[in-house]
Amino acid sequence: MKLLKDKIIQDGKVLSKDVLKVDTFLNHQIDPPLMKAIGEEFAERFKDAGITKIVTIESSGIAPAMMAGLVLGVPAIFARKRKSLTLIDHLYTASVHSFTKDETNEISVSKDFVTCDDTVLIIDDFLANGQAVLGLLDIIEQASAKLAGVGIVIEKGFQPGGKMIRKQGIRVESLAIIASLEDGKVTFSEGAAVR
């Protein structure tokens, strides 16, 4: 997706060989026109998958999931990381380790929102080690729902998550795949290095 790649080059900051900061448009401040285009792209890629629900994890996956849900005409559900007075029982739960924050959270989704009748699309902002996707897959499996696939805004192709998920026979559609962040440069999997 050229628009996304251009934004990564323009506004992304390489903090290390493993970390790309995109808080100016994706996971702190949100760029609404870009999110709209991302939602439209996911909807186009998964339009024939029979999706009835989109599931993500709070908070960075919410904007792209919501925009895809808007285009597809289906609800977007986010797994909560924090406990809530209103979300205490009748839950699917899974543990997810965050590479960026170096912490493990128990995520939760109400059993009222994902059922065996659903075909679910997982959407998330990043795919690195695959832990968030694995946690969401666990929840979808607990619900006996059908998986349509996984939509990722930015995949770190040099980390094992994408290969691990695809090896399970799961469809993964990533809008931008980064091959390397070496030497402070973003290199996309199908192109040359850009500073």
Protein backbone atom coordinates (compact mmCIF):
# COMPACT_ATOMS: atom_id res chain seq x y z
CA MET A 1 0.00 0.00 0.00
CA LYS A 2 1.90 2.99 -1.32
CA LEU A 3 0.12 5.62 0.81
CA LEU A 4 1.07 3.77 4.01
CA LYS A 5 4.66 3.18 2.91
CA ASP A 6 5.04 6.85 2.02
CA LYS A 7 3.75 7.81 5.47
CA ILE A 8 6.18 5.41 7.15
CA ILE A 9 9.08 6.96 5.21
CA GLN A 10 7.89 10.52 5.86
CA ASP A 11 6.90 10.30 9.54
CA GLY A 12 8.18 7.01 10.95
CA LYS A 13 11.25 7.04 13.20
CA VAL A 14 13.62 4.10 13.43
CA LEU A 15 14.55 3.85 17.11
CA SER A 16 16.59 0.65 16.83
CA LYS A 17 17.03 -2.35 14.56
CA ASP A 18 13.82 -3.74 16.10
CA VAL A 19 11.64 -0.68 16.81
CA LEU A 20 9.83 1.66 14.40
CA LYS A 21 7.99 4.58 15.98
CA VAL A 22 4.80 5.54 14.11
CA ASP A 23 3.02 7.50 16.83
CA THR A 24 2.41 10.51 14.59
CA PHE A 25 -0.16 8.63 12.48
CA LEU A 26 -1.01 5.16 13.85
CA ASN A 27 -0.61 4.41 17.52
CA HIS A 28 -0.85 7.69 19.42
CA GLN A 29 -1.99 10.40 17.07
CA ILE A 30 -4.28 9.02 14.36
CA ASP A 31 -4.31 10.15 10.73
CA PRO A 32 -8.02 9.75 9.82
CA PRO A 33 -7.66 9.89 6.00
CA LEU A 34 -4.89 7.26 6.19
CA MET A 35 -7.01 5.08 8.52
CA LYS A 36 -9.92 5.37 6.09
CA ALA A 37 -7.68 4.21 3.24
CA ILE A 38 -6.34 1.36 5.40
CA GLY A 39 -9.89 0.27 6.27
CA GLU A 40 -10.85 0.34 2.61
CA GLU A 41 -7.79 -1.74 1.68
CA PHE A 42 -8.55 -4.40 4.29
CA ALA A 43 -12.20 -4.46 3.21
CA GLU A 44 -11.16 -4.95 -0.42
CA ARG A 45 -8.72 -7.74 0.41
CA PHE A 46 -11.24 -9.63 2.57
CA LYS A 47 -14.50 -8.68 0.80
CA ASP A 48 -15.37 -12.26 -0.16
CA ALA A 49 -14.49 -13.87 3.19
CA GLY A 50 -18.00 -13.64 4.71
CA ILE A 51 -16.79 -11.58 7.68
CA THR A 52 -19.35 -10.92 10.42
CA LYS A 53 -17.01 -9.43 13.07
CA ILE A 54 -13.60 -7.78 13.29
CA VAL A 55 -11.51 -8.34 16.42
CA THR A 56 -8.47 -6.37 17.56
CA ILE A 57 -6.63 -5.51 20.78
CA GLU A 58 -6.83 -2.14 22.45
CA SER A 59 -5.67 0.40 21.67
CA SER A 60 -3.62 0.74 18.50
CA GLY A 61 -5.66 -1.75 16.50
CA ILE A 62 -8.95 0.03 17.13
CA ALA A 63 -8.70 2.73 14.43
CA PRO A 64 -7.87 0.41 11.49
CA ALA A 65 -10.36 -2.21 12.74
CA MET A 66 -13.13 0.36 13.05
CA MET A 67 -12.51 1.73 9.57
CA ALA A 68 -12.51 -1.76 8.04
CA GLY A 69 -15.70 -2.53 9.96
CA LEU A 70 -17.29 0.65 8.65
CA VAL A 71 -16.54 -0.30 5.04
CA LEU A 72 -17.56 -3.96 5.52
CA GLY A 73 -20.65 -3.03 7.55
CA VAL A 74 -19.72 -5.24 10.53
CA PRO A 75 -18.96 -4.57 14.21
CA ALA A 76 -15.39 -4.06 15.41
CA ILE A 77 -14.64 -5.56 18.82
CA PHE A 78 -11.54 -4.83 20.81
CA ALA A 79 -10.05 -7.19 23.35
CA ARG A 80 -9.51 -5.27 26.55
CA LYS A 81 -6.19 -5.32 28.36
CA ARG A 82 -7.44 -3.66 31.50
CA LYS A 83 -9.94 -4.87 34.01
CA SER A 84 -13.27 -3.08 34.10
CA LEU A 85 -16.16 -3.02 36.55
CA THR A 86 -18.49 -3.82 33.66
CA LEU A 87 -16.36 -6.59 32.12
CA ILE A 88 -15.93 -9.14 34.90
CA ASP A 89 -17.47 -12.43 33.82
CA HIS A 90 -18.78 -14.32 30.80
CA LEU A 91 -15.44 -13.69 29.06
CA TYR A 92 -13.00 -15.31 26.71
CA THR A 93 -9.47 -14.57 27.95
CA ALA A 94 -5.93 -15.12 26.72
CA SER A 95 -2.45 -14.00 27.76
CA VAL A 96 -0.47 -11.76 25.40
CA HIS A 97 3.14 -10.63 25.81
CA SER A 98 3.93 -7.20 24.35
CA PHE A 99 7.38 -6.95 22.77
CA THR A 100 7.32 -3.14 22.80
CA LYS A 101 6.20 -2.76 26.40
CA ASP A 102 7.89 -5.93 27.69
CA GLU A 103 4.82 -6.92 29.69
CA THR A 104 2.21 -9.65 29.64
CA ASN A 105 -1.48 -8.77 29.73
CA GLU A 106 -4.58 -10.87 30.03
CA ILE A 107 -6.91 -9.80 27.23
CA SER A 108 -10.67 -10.25 27.43
CA VAL A 109 -13.63 -10.29 25.05
CA SER A 110 -17.22 -10.72 26.15
CA LYS A 111 -18.79 -14.02 25.10
CA ASP A 112 -21.78 -11.94 23.97
CA PHE A 113 -19.80 -10.43 21.10
CA VAL A 114 -18.07 -13.42 19.43
CA THR A 115 -19.97 -16.67 18.90
CA CYS A 116 -19.77 -19.88 16.92
CA ASP A 117 -21.90 -18.22 14.23
CA ASP A 118 -19.23 -15.58 13.47
CA THR A 119 -16.57 -15.37 10.80
CA VAL A 120 -13.88 -13.17 12.29
CA LEU A 121 -11.19 -10.99 10.77
CA ILE A 122 -8.33 -10.11 13.12
CA ILE A 123 -6.79 -6.68 12.54
CA ASP A 124 -3.78 -5.22 14.36
CA ASP A 125 -1.32 -2.38 13.92
CA PHE A 126 1.92 -4.40 14.05
CA LEU A 127 2.95 -8.01 13.57
CA ALA A 128 6.39 -8.71 15.06
CA ASN A 129 6.64 -11.82 17.22
CA GLY A 130 2.98 -12.75 16.72
CA GLN A 131 1.90 -12.79 20.36
CA ALA A 132 -1.09 -10.46 19.93
CA VAL A 133 -2.38 -12.49 16.98
CA LEU A 134 -1.89 -15.75 18.91
CA GLY A 135 -3.91 -14.35 21.82
CA LEU A 136 -6.74 -13.30 19.51
CA LEU A 137 -6.63 -16.67 17.73
CA ASP A 138 -7.02 -18.32 21.14
CA ILE A 139 -10.13 -16.23 21.85
CA ILE A 140 -11.63 -17.01 18.43
CA GLU A 141 -10.97 -20.72 19.00
CA GLN A 142 -12.61 -20.55 22.46
CA ALA A 143 -15.68 -19.03 20.78
CA SER A 144 -15.68 -21.77 18.10
CA ALA A 145 -15.85 -18.96 15.54
CA LYS A 146 -14.47 -19.24 12.01
CA LEU A 147 -11.32 -17.29 11.14
CA ALA A 148 -11.34 -15.31 7.89
CA GLY A 149 -7.75 -14.22 8.26
CA VAL A 150 -5.45 -11.62 9.78
CA GLY A 151 -5.00 -8.05 8.55
CA ILE A 152 -1.84 -6.25 9.67
CA VAL A 153 -1.02 -2.61 9.06
CA ILE A 154 2.78 -2.99 9.44
CA GLU A 155 4.56 -6.35 9.58
CA LYS A 156 8.15 -6.62 10.72
CA GLY A 157 9.11 -9.32 8.25
CA PHE A 158 12.49 -9.79 9.93
CA GLN A 159 10.82 -11.02 13.12
CA PRO A 160 9.22 -14.48 13.37
CA GLY A 161 5.51 -13.67 13.85
CA GLY A 162 4.40 -13.54 10.22
CA LYS A 163 6.14 -16.77 9.26
CA MET A 164 4.82 -18.52 12.39
CA ILE A 165 1.20 -17.49 11.73
CA ARG A 166 1.35 -18.30 8.00
CA LYS A 167 2.94 -21.70 8.77
CA GLN A 168 -0.34 -22.57 10.55
CA GLY A 169 -2.14 -22.11 7.22
CA ILE A 170 -3.65 -18.78 8.27
CA ARG A 171 -4.17 -16.06 5.68
CA VAL A 172 -2.19 -12.96 6.65
CA GLU A 173 -2.57 -9.74 4.66
CA SER A 174 0.00 -7.08 5.64
CA LEU A 175 -0.24 -3.63 4.09
CA ALA A 176 3.46 -2.86 4.56
CA ILE A 177 6.14 -5.47 5.25
CA ILE A 178 9.44 -4.19 6.59
CA ALA A 179 12.46 -6.32 5.73
CA SER A 180 14.91 -4.39 7.90
CA LEU A 181 15.40 -1.41 10.20
CA GLU A 182 19.21 -1.73 10.13
CA ASP A 183 21.38 1.41 10.11
CA GLY A 184 18.37 3.63 10.82
CA LYS A 185 16.80 2.82 7.45
CA VAL A 186 13.39 1.37 6.65
CA THR A 187 13.70 -1.33 3.98
CA PHE A 188 10.45 -2.75 2.67
CA SER A 189 10.41 -6.40 1.66
CA GLU A 190 9.90 -5.61 -2.01
CA GLY A 191 12.02 -2.50 -2.36
CA ALA A 192 15.20 -0.63 -1.70
CA ALA A 193 16.28 0.96 1.58
CA VAL A 194 14.99 4.44 2.34
CA ARG A 195 16.22 6.83 5.01
